[in-house]
């Protein structure tokens, strides 16, 4: 949007503003806050994942150099009954513990959001878990007291 001033000039950052101004610089602290976790994630997560995928394409016994065999390991895995059992267990675990717990949690939140009899008790019971902490365990050894006999 262009605005006309009293002298008749245009001001603003549109096309008619004359020269191109430099882009806003990102402060080094912001770059550090973004790049350090990204590098750590890349080193600890992405790099081992890429290495694991490469090793899955090879035949390797852990001692001799790996031999590239392509997708043969995956073809063999598709015909393995142990893999089918593990895949079924994984899908069931994800559906029951991931999806079902999220659905039940959202359902409970919706029920507790409505004002009805007894909701205050459940809200208090749920919030007590986060609002109070148990006292630290006491040392059951000898008490250190300075008594003069």
N, C-alpha and C. Protein backbone atom coordinates (compact mmCIF):
# COMPACT_ATOMS: atom_id res chain seq x y z
N UNK A 1 0.84 -1.16 0.00
CA UNK A 1 0.00 0.00 0.00
C UNK A 1 0.89 1.23 0.00
N UNK A 2 0.61 2.13 -0.88
CA UNK A 2 1.40 3.36 -0.98
C UNK A 2 0.64 4.50 -0.32
N UNK A 3 1.39 5.37 0.32
CA UNK A 3 0.81 6.52 1.01
C UNK A 3 1.44 7.77 0.41
N UNK A 4 0.62 8.72 0.06
CA UNK A 4 1.13 9.98 -0.48
C UNK A 4 1.37 10.94 0.67
N UNK A 5 2.55 11.57 0.63
CA UNK A 5 2.87 12.56 1.65
C UNK A 5 2.56 13.94 1.11
N UNK A 6 2.77 14.96 1.92
CA UNK A 6 2.46 16.34 1.52
C UNK A 6 3.29 16.77 0.33
N UNK A 7 4.51 16.23 0.18
CA UNK A 7 5.36 16.62 -0.93
C UNK A 7 5.02 15.85 -2.19
N UNK A 8 4.12 14.90 -2.11
CA UNK A 8 3.71 14.17 -3.29
C UNK A 8 4.57 12.93 -3.54
N UNK A 9 5.45 12.60 -2.61
CA UNK A 9 6.29 11.41 -2.80
C UNK A 9 5.59 10.20 -2.22
N UNK A 10 5.94 9.05 -2.72
CA UNK A 10 5.40 7.80 -2.20
C UNK A 10 6.34 7.27 -1.14
N UNK A 11 5.76 6.74 -0.09
CA UNK A 11 6.56 6.09 0.92
C UNK A 11 6.03 4.68 1.11
N UNK A 12 6.84 3.84 1.62
CA UNK A 12 6.43 2.45 1.83
C UNK A 12 7.46 1.52 1.22
N UNK A 13 7.15 0.26 1.28
CA UNK A 13 8.10 -0.74 0.77
C UNK A 13 7.58 -1.41 -0.49
N UNK A 14 6.66 -0.79 -1.16
CA UNK A 14 6.10 -1.37 -2.38
C UNK A 14 7.06 -1.24 -3.54
N UNK A 15 6.56 -1.47 -4.73
CA UNK A 15 7.40 -1.40 -5.93
C UNK A 15 7.90 0.00 -6.19
N UNK A 16 7.12 0.98 -5.84
CA UNK A 16 7.49 2.34 -6.16
C UNK A 16 8.36 2.99 -5.11
N UNK A 17 8.97 2.24 -4.22
CA UNK A 17 9.73 2.86 -3.14
C UNK A 17 11.17 3.11 -3.53
N UNK A 18 11.51 3.02 -4.76
CA UNK A 18 12.87 3.33 -5.18
C UNK A 18 13.78 2.13 -5.07
N UNK A 19 14.86 2.25 -4.30
CA UNK A 19 15.85 1.19 -4.19
C UNK A 19 15.38 0.03 -3.32
N UNK A 20 16.07 -1.05 -3.45
CA UNK A 20 15.74 -2.24 -2.67
C UNK A 20 16.53 -2.21 -1.37
N UNK A 21 15.84 -2.35 -0.29
CA UNK A 21 16.52 -2.36 1.00
C UNK A 21 17.00 -3.75 1.30
N UNK A 22 18.02 -3.83 2.15
CA UNK A 22 18.58 -5.13 2.52
C UNK A 22 17.60 -5.93 3.37
N UNK A 23 17.73 -7.23 3.30
CA UNK A 23 16.85 -8.10 4.08
C UNK A 23 17.17 -7.95 5.56
N UNK A 24 16.19 -8.21 6.38
CA UNK A 24 16.39 -8.13 7.81
C UNK A 24 17.35 -9.22 8.26
N UNK A 25 18.34 -8.84 9.03
CA UNK A 25 19.33 -9.81 9.51
C UNK A 25 18.78 -10.57 10.69
N UNK A 26 19.09 -11.84 10.72
CA UNK A 26 18.70 -12.68 11.84
C UNK A 26 19.81 -12.60 12.88
N UNK A 27 19.48 -12.28 14.12
CA UNK A 27 20.51 -12.18 15.16
C UNK A 27 21.22 -13.52 15.35
N UNK A 28 22.52 -13.50 15.65
CA UNK A 28 23.27 -14.74 15.84
C UNK A 28 22.72 -15.62 16.96
N UNK A 29 22.14 -15.02 17.99
CA UNK A 29 21.58 -15.82 19.08
C UNK A 29 20.41 -16.66 18.57
N UNK A 30 19.59 -16.09 17.70
CA UNK A 30 18.46 -16.83 17.14
C UNK A 30 18.98 -17.98 16.29
N UNK A 31 20.02 -17.71 15.50
CA UNK A 31 20.62 -18.78 14.69
C UNK A 31 21.17 -19.89 15.58
N UNK A 32 21.78 -19.52 16.68
CA UNK A 32 22.32 -20.52 17.59
C UNK A 32 21.20 -21.35 18.20
N UNK A 33 20.10 -20.70 18.59
CA UNK A 33 18.98 -21.43 19.18
C UNK A 33 18.33 -22.37 18.17
N UNK A 34 18.43 -22.07 16.90
CA UNK A 34 17.84 -22.94 15.88
C UNK A 34 18.83 -23.98 15.40
N UNK A 35 20.07 -23.57 15.14
CA UNK A 35 21.03 -24.48 14.54
C UNK A 35 21.58 -25.52 15.50
N UNK A 36 21.79 -25.17 16.74
CA UNK A 36 22.37 -26.13 17.69
C UNK A 36 21.45 -27.34 17.88
N UNK A 37 20.15 -27.15 18.16
CA UNK A 37 19.29 -28.34 18.25
C UNK A 37 19.16 -29.08 16.93
N UNK A 38 19.17 -28.34 15.83
CA UNK A 38 19.08 -29.00 14.52
C UNK A 38 20.30 -29.86 14.25
N UNK A 39 21.47 -29.37 14.59
CA UNK A 39 22.69 -30.17 14.42
C UNK A 39 22.70 -31.37 15.34
N UNK A 40 22.25 -31.17 16.58
CA UNK A 40 22.19 -32.30 17.52
C UNK A 40 21.21 -33.35 17.02
N UNK A 41 20.05 -32.91 16.54
CA UNK A 41 19.06 -33.85 16.00
C UNK A 41 19.62 -34.58 14.78
N UNK A 42 20.31 -33.85 13.93
CA UNK A 42 20.90 -34.48 12.76
C UNK A 42 21.95 -35.51 13.14
N UNK A 43 22.76 -35.19 14.14
CA UNK A 43 23.84 -36.09 14.54
C UNK A 43 23.31 -37.32 15.27
N UNK A 44 22.36 -37.12 16.19
CA UNK A 44 21.90 -38.22 17.03
C UNK A 44 20.72 -38.99 16.45
N UNK A 45 19.98 -38.41 15.48
CA UNK A 45 18.80 -39.09 14.95
C UNK A 45 18.94 -39.39 13.47
N UNK A 46 19.15 -38.35 12.67
CA UNK A 46 19.11 -38.54 11.22
C UNK A 46 20.30 -39.32 10.69
N UNK A 47 21.50 -39.04 11.18
CA UNK A 47 22.67 -39.75 10.69
C UNK A 47 22.61 -41.25 11.01
N UNK A 48 22.29 -41.67 12.23
CA UNK A 48 22.14 -43.11 12.47
C UNK A 48 21.00 -43.74 11.66
N UNK A 49 19.92 -42.99 11.42
CA UNK A 49 18.82 -43.53 10.61
C UNK A 49 19.28 -43.76 9.18
N UNK A 50 20.04 -42.82 8.64
CA UNK A 50 20.57 -43.00 7.28
C UNK A 50 21.56 -44.15 7.22
N UNK A 51 22.40 -44.28 8.23
CA UNK A 51 23.33 -45.40 8.26
C UNK A 51 22.59 -46.73 8.37
N UNK A 52 21.55 -46.78 9.18
CA UNK A 52 20.76 -47.99 9.31
C UNK A 52 20.07 -48.36 8.02
N UNK A 53 19.56 -47.36 7.30
CA UNK A 53 18.94 -47.65 6.01
C UNK A 53 19.97 -48.17 5.01
N UNK A 54 21.16 -47.57 5.00
CA UNK A 54 22.21 -48.07 4.11
C UNK A 54 22.58 -49.51 4.46
N UNK A 55 22.72 -49.80 5.76
CA UNK A 55 23.06 -51.16 6.16
C UNK A 55 21.95 -52.14 5.85
N UNK A 56 20.70 -51.69 5.80
CA UNK A 56 19.62 -52.59 5.43
C UNK A 56 19.68 -52.99 3.97
N UNK A 57 20.41 -52.23 3.18
CA UNK A 57 20.58 -52.56 1.76
C UNK A 57 21.83 -53.39 1.51
N UNK A 58 22.48 -53.85 2.56
CA UNK A 58 23.71 -54.61 2.41
C UNK A 58 23.60 -55.96 3.12
N UNK A 59 24.54 -56.83 2.81
CA UNK A 59 24.69 -58.09 3.54
C UNK A 59 25.95 -57.91 4.38
N UNK A 60 25.77 -57.91 5.70
CA UNK A 60 26.90 -57.58 6.57
C UNK A 60 26.80 -58.42 7.82
N UNK A 61 27.91 -59.04 8.21
CA UNK A 61 27.95 -59.84 9.42
C UNK A 61 28.55 -59.10 10.61
N UNK A 62 28.92 -57.86 10.44
CA UNK A 62 29.49 -57.06 11.52
C UNK A 62 31.00 -57.08 11.56
N UNK A 63 31.62 -57.99 10.82
CA UNK A 63 33.08 -58.10 10.83
C UNK A 63 33.65 -57.77 9.46
N UNK A 64 33.19 -58.48 8.45
CA UNK A 64 33.69 -58.25 7.09
C UNK A 64 33.05 -57.00 6.51
N UNK A 65 33.60 -56.46 5.43
CA UNK A 65 33.00 -55.27 4.82
C UNK A 65 31.60 -55.59 4.28
N UNK A 66 30.68 -54.65 4.37
CA UNK A 66 29.32 -54.91 3.87
C UNK A 66 29.28 -55.04 2.35
N UNK A 67 28.43 -55.95 1.87
CA UNK A 67 28.23 -56.14 0.43
C UNK A 67 26.85 -55.60 0.07
N UNK A 68 26.78 -54.74 -0.93
CA UNK A 68 25.51 -54.15 -1.34
C UNK A 68 24.66 -55.20 -2.04
N UNK A 69 23.43 -55.42 -1.56
CA UNK A 69 22.53 -56.39 -2.18
C UNK A 69 21.19 -55.76 -2.55
N UNK A 70 21.04 -54.48 -2.35
CA UNK A 70 19.81 -53.79 -2.75
C UNK A 70 18.64 -54.12 -1.85
N UNK A 71 17.49 -54.39 -2.45
CA UNK A 71 16.26 -54.63 -1.70
C UNK A 71 16.04 -56.10 -1.35
N UNK A 72 17.05 -56.93 -1.48
CA UNK A 72 16.89 -58.37 -1.20
C UNK A 72 16.49 -58.62 0.25
N UNK A 73 17.03 -57.85 1.18
CA UNK A 73 16.64 -58.03 2.58
C UNK A 73 15.16 -57.74 2.79
N UNK A 74 14.64 -56.73 2.10
CA UNK A 74 13.23 -56.38 2.23
C UNK A 74 12.34 -57.45 1.59
N UNK A 75 12.77 -58.01 0.44
CA UNK A 75 12.02 -59.09 -0.19
C UNK A 75 11.96 -60.31 0.72
N UNK A 76 13.07 -60.62 1.37
CA UNK A 76 13.11 -61.75 2.29
C UNK A 76 12.23 -61.50 3.51
N UNK A 77 12.21 -60.26 3.96
CA UNK A 77 11.43 -59.90 5.14
C UNK A 77 9.93 -60.03 4.88
N UNK A 78 9.47 -59.75 3.65
CA UNK A 78 8.05 -59.83 3.34
C UNK A 78 7.51 -61.25 3.44
N UNK A 79 8.37 -62.25 3.30
CA UNK A 79 7.95 -63.64 3.36
C UNK A 79 8.23 -64.29 4.71
N UNK A 80 8.63 -63.51 5.69
CA UNK A 80 8.98 -64.02 7.01
C UNK A 80 7.77 -63.92 7.94
N UNK A 81 7.39 -65.04 8.58
CA UNK A 81 6.23 -65.03 9.47
C UNK A 81 6.51 -64.25 10.75
N UNK A 82 7.75 -64.23 11.22
CA UNK A 82 8.08 -63.47 12.42
C UNK A 82 7.89 -61.98 12.16
N UNK A 83 8.25 -61.52 10.97
CA UNK A 83 8.04 -60.11 10.61
C UNK A 83 6.56 -59.78 10.58
N UNK A 84 5.73 -60.66 10.04
CA UNK A 84 4.29 -60.41 9.98
C UNK A 84 3.71 -60.29 11.39
N UNK A 85 4.16 -61.16 12.30
CA UNK A 85 3.69 -61.09 13.69
C UNK A 85 4.13 -59.78 14.34
N UNK A 86 5.38 -59.40 14.13
CA UNK A 86 5.89 -58.15 14.71
C UNK A 86 5.17 -56.94 14.13
N UNK A 87 4.88 -56.98 12.84
CA UNK A 87 4.17 -55.87 12.20
C UNK A 87 2.75 -55.75 12.76
N UNK A 88 2.06 -56.87 12.92
CA UNK A 88 0.72 -56.85 13.49
C UNK A 88 0.74 -56.33 14.93
N UNK A 89 1.70 -56.79 15.72
CA UNK A 89 1.81 -56.31 17.10
C UNK A 89 2.07 -54.81 17.15
N UNK A 90 2.91 -54.32 16.26
CA UNK A 90 3.23 -52.89 16.22
C UNK A 90 2.01 -52.07 15.83
N UNK A 91 1.27 -52.52 14.83
CA UNK A 91 0.07 -51.79 14.40
C UNK A 91 -0.98 -51.78 15.52
N UNK A 92 -1.17 -52.92 16.18
CA UNK A 92 -2.12 -52.96 17.29
C UNK A 92 -1.68 -52.05 18.43
N UNK A 93 -0.40 -52.05 18.76
CA UNK A 93 0.11 -51.20 19.84
C UNK A 93 -0.11 -49.73 19.50
N UNK A 94 0.20 -49.35 18.25
CA UNK A 94 0.01 -47.95 17.85
C UNK A 94 -1.46 -47.56 17.90
N UNK A 95 -2.33 -48.45 17.44
CA UNK A 95 -3.76 -48.12 17.40
C UNK A 95 -4.33 -48.03 18.82
N UNK A 96 -3.98 -48.98 19.67
CA UNK A 96 -4.58 -49.01 21.00
C UNK A 96 -3.97 -47.97 21.93
N UNK A 97 -2.66 -47.91 21.99
CA UNK A 97 -2.03 -47.00 22.95
C UNK A 97 -1.86 -45.59 22.41
N UNK A 98 -1.73 -45.46 21.11
CA UNK A 98 -1.60 -44.12 20.54
C UNK A 98 -2.95 -43.51 20.25
N UNK A 99 -3.69 -44.13 19.35
CA UNK A 99 -4.96 -43.57 18.92
C UNK A 99 -6.05 -43.63 19.95
N UNK A 100 -6.22 -44.79 20.57
CA UNK A 100 -7.30 -44.96 21.53
C UNK A 100 -7.10 -44.09 22.77
N UNK A 101 -5.87 -43.98 23.25
CA UNK A 101 -5.64 -43.14 24.43
C UNK A 101 -5.86 -41.67 24.11
N UNK A 102 -5.52 -41.24 22.90
CA UNK A 102 -5.77 -39.85 22.52
C UNK A 102 -7.26 -39.59 22.41
N UNK A 103 -8.00 -40.53 21.83
CA UNK A 103 -9.45 -40.35 21.69
C UNK A 103 -10.12 -40.35 23.07
N UNK A 104 -9.73 -41.27 23.94
CA UNK A 104 -10.31 -41.30 25.29
C UNK A 104 -9.95 -40.04 26.08
N UNK A 105 -8.72 -39.55 25.93
CA UNK A 105 -8.33 -38.32 26.62
C UNK A 105 -9.12 -37.12 26.14
N UNK A 106 -9.32 -37.00 24.84
CA UNK A 106 -10.13 -35.90 24.31
C UNK A 106 -11.58 -36.02 24.75
N UNK A 107 -12.09 -37.25 24.75
CA UNK A 107 -13.47 -37.46 25.21
C UNK A 107 -13.63 -37.08 26.67
N UNK A 108 -12.68 -37.47 27.52
CA UNK A 108 -12.75 -37.10 28.93
C UNK A 108 -12.65 -35.59 29.10
N UNK A 109 -11.82 -34.94 28.30
CA UNK A 109 -11.70 -33.48 28.39
C UNK A 109 -13.02 -32.80 27.99
N UNK A 110 -13.66 -33.34 26.96
CA UNK A 110 -14.95 -32.76 26.57
C UNK A 110 -16.01 -32.96 27.64
N UNK A 111 -16.02 -34.13 28.27
CA UNK A 111 -16.99 -34.37 29.34
C UNK A 111 -16.73 -33.49 30.55
N UNK A 112 -15.45 -33.30 30.90
CA UNK A 112 -15.12 -32.48 32.07
C UNK A 112 -15.29 -30.99 31.81
N UNK A 113 -15.40 -30.62 30.54
CA UNK A 113 -15.57 -29.20 30.22
C UNK A 113 -17.01 -28.75 30.50
N UNK A 114 -17.96 -29.64 30.40
CA UNK A 114 -19.36 -29.30 30.61
C UNK A 114 -19.67 -29.22 32.11
N UNK A 115 -20.53 -28.30 32.46
CA UNK A 115 -20.93 -28.14 33.86
C UNK A 115 -22.04 -29.13 34.17
N UNK A 116 -21.76 -30.07 35.02
CA UNK A 116 -22.75 -31.02 35.51
C UNK A 116 -22.35 -31.48 36.89
N UNK A 117 -23.20 -32.22 37.52
CA UNK A 117 -22.97 -32.63 38.90
C UNK A 117 -21.77 -33.57 38.99
N UNK A 118 -20.86 -33.29 39.92
CA UNK A 118 -19.71 -34.15 40.16
C UNK A 118 -18.49 -33.82 39.34
N UNK A 119 -18.58 -32.92 38.39
CA UNK A 119 -17.45 -32.58 37.54
C UNK A 119 -16.35 -31.90 38.35
N UNK A 120 -16.73 -31.09 39.32
CA UNK A 120 -15.74 -30.39 40.15
C UNK A 120 -14.85 -31.36 40.90
N UNK A 121 -15.42 -32.46 41.38
CA UNK A 121 -14.63 -33.46 42.09
C UNK A 121 -13.57 -34.06 41.17
N UNK A 122 -13.98 -34.43 39.97
CA UNK A 122 -13.03 -35.03 39.03
C UNK A 122 -11.97 -34.03 38.58
N UNK A 123 -12.38 -32.77 38.39
CA UNK A 123 -11.40 -31.75 38.03
C UNK A 123 -10.37 -31.58 39.14
N UNK A 124 -10.85 -31.54 40.38
CA UNK A 124 -9.94 -31.38 41.51
C UNK A 124 -9.02 -32.59 41.64
N UNK A 125 -9.57 -33.77 41.45
CA UNK A 125 -8.76 -34.99 41.57
C UNK A 125 -7.68 -35.03 40.49
N UNK A 126 -8.02 -34.60 39.29
CA UNK A 126 -7.03 -34.60 38.21
C UNK A 126 -5.99 -33.52 38.41
N UNK A 127 -6.40 -32.35 38.91
CA UNK A 127 -5.44 -31.26 39.06
C UNK A 127 -4.56 -31.44 40.29
N UNK A 128 -4.99 -32.22 41.27
CA UNK A 128 -4.15 -32.46 42.45
C UNK A 128 -2.85 -33.13 42.07
N UNK A 129 -2.90 -33.93 41.06
CA UNK A 129 -1.70 -34.64 40.62
C UNK A 129 -0.60 -33.66 40.20
N UNK A 130 -1.00 -32.55 39.58
CA UNK A 130 0.00 -31.60 39.10
C UNK A 130 0.27 -30.48 40.07
N UNK A 131 -0.70 -30.18 40.94
CA UNK A 131 -0.53 -29.01 41.80
C UNK A 131 0.17 -29.32 43.11
N UNK A 132 0.20 -30.56 43.51
CA UNK A 132 0.85 -30.87 44.77
C UNK A 132 1.96 -31.88 44.54
N UNK A 133 2.95 -31.77 45.34
CA UNK A 133 4.06 -32.72 45.27
C UNK A 133 4.22 -33.36 46.63
N UNK A 134 4.64 -34.57 46.63
CA UNK A 134 4.89 -35.22 47.91
C UNK A 134 6.19 -34.66 48.48
N UNK A 135 6.28 -34.58 49.79
CA UNK A 135 7.51 -34.05 50.38
C UNK A 135 8.68 -34.99 50.09
N UNK A 136 9.88 -34.45 50.07
CA UNK A 136 11.02 -35.32 49.79
C UNK A 136 11.19 -36.35 50.88
N UNK A 137 11.69 -37.52 50.55
CA UNK A 137 11.86 -38.56 51.57
C UNK A 137 12.85 -38.10 52.63
N UNK A 138 12.55 -38.42 53.87
CA UNK A 138 13.42 -38.00 54.96
C UNK A 138 14.53 -39.00 55.15
N UNK A 139 15.65 -38.47 55.58
CA UNK A 139 16.78 -39.34 55.83
C UNK A 139 16.52 -40.09 57.12
N UNK A 140 16.58 -41.40 57.08
CA UNK A 140 16.21 -42.19 58.24
C UNK A 140 17.41 -42.53 59.12
N UNK A 141 18.55 -41.92 58.86
CA UNK A 141 19.74 -42.20 59.66
C UNK A 141 19.74 -41.41 60.95
N UNK A 142 20.87 -41.35 61.57
CA UNK A 142 21.01 -40.64 62.82
C UNK A 142 20.84 -39.16 62.63
N UNK A 143 20.17 -38.54 63.56
CA UNK A 143 19.98 -37.09 63.47
C UNK A 143 21.27 -36.41 63.93
N UNK A 144 21.60 -35.37 63.23
CA UNK A 144 22.80 -34.61 63.60
C UNK A 144 22.37 -33.47 64.51
N UNK A 145 22.55 -33.62 65.77
CA UNK A 145 22.23 -32.56 66.72
C UNK A 145 23.47 -32.31 67.57
N UNK A 146 23.62 -31.11 67.94
CA UNK A 146 24.77 -30.78 68.78
C UNK A 146 24.28 -30.66 70.23
N UNK A 147 24.47 -31.70 70.97
CA UNK A 147 24.08 -31.69 72.39
C UNK A 147 25.34 -31.73 73.24
N UNK A 148 25.30 -30.95 74.19
CA UNK A 148 26.42 -30.97 75.14
C UNK A 148 25.97 -31.70 76.38
N UNK A 149 26.73 -32.65 76.78
CA UNK A 149 26.33 -33.45 77.94
C UNK A 149 26.84 -32.87 79.23
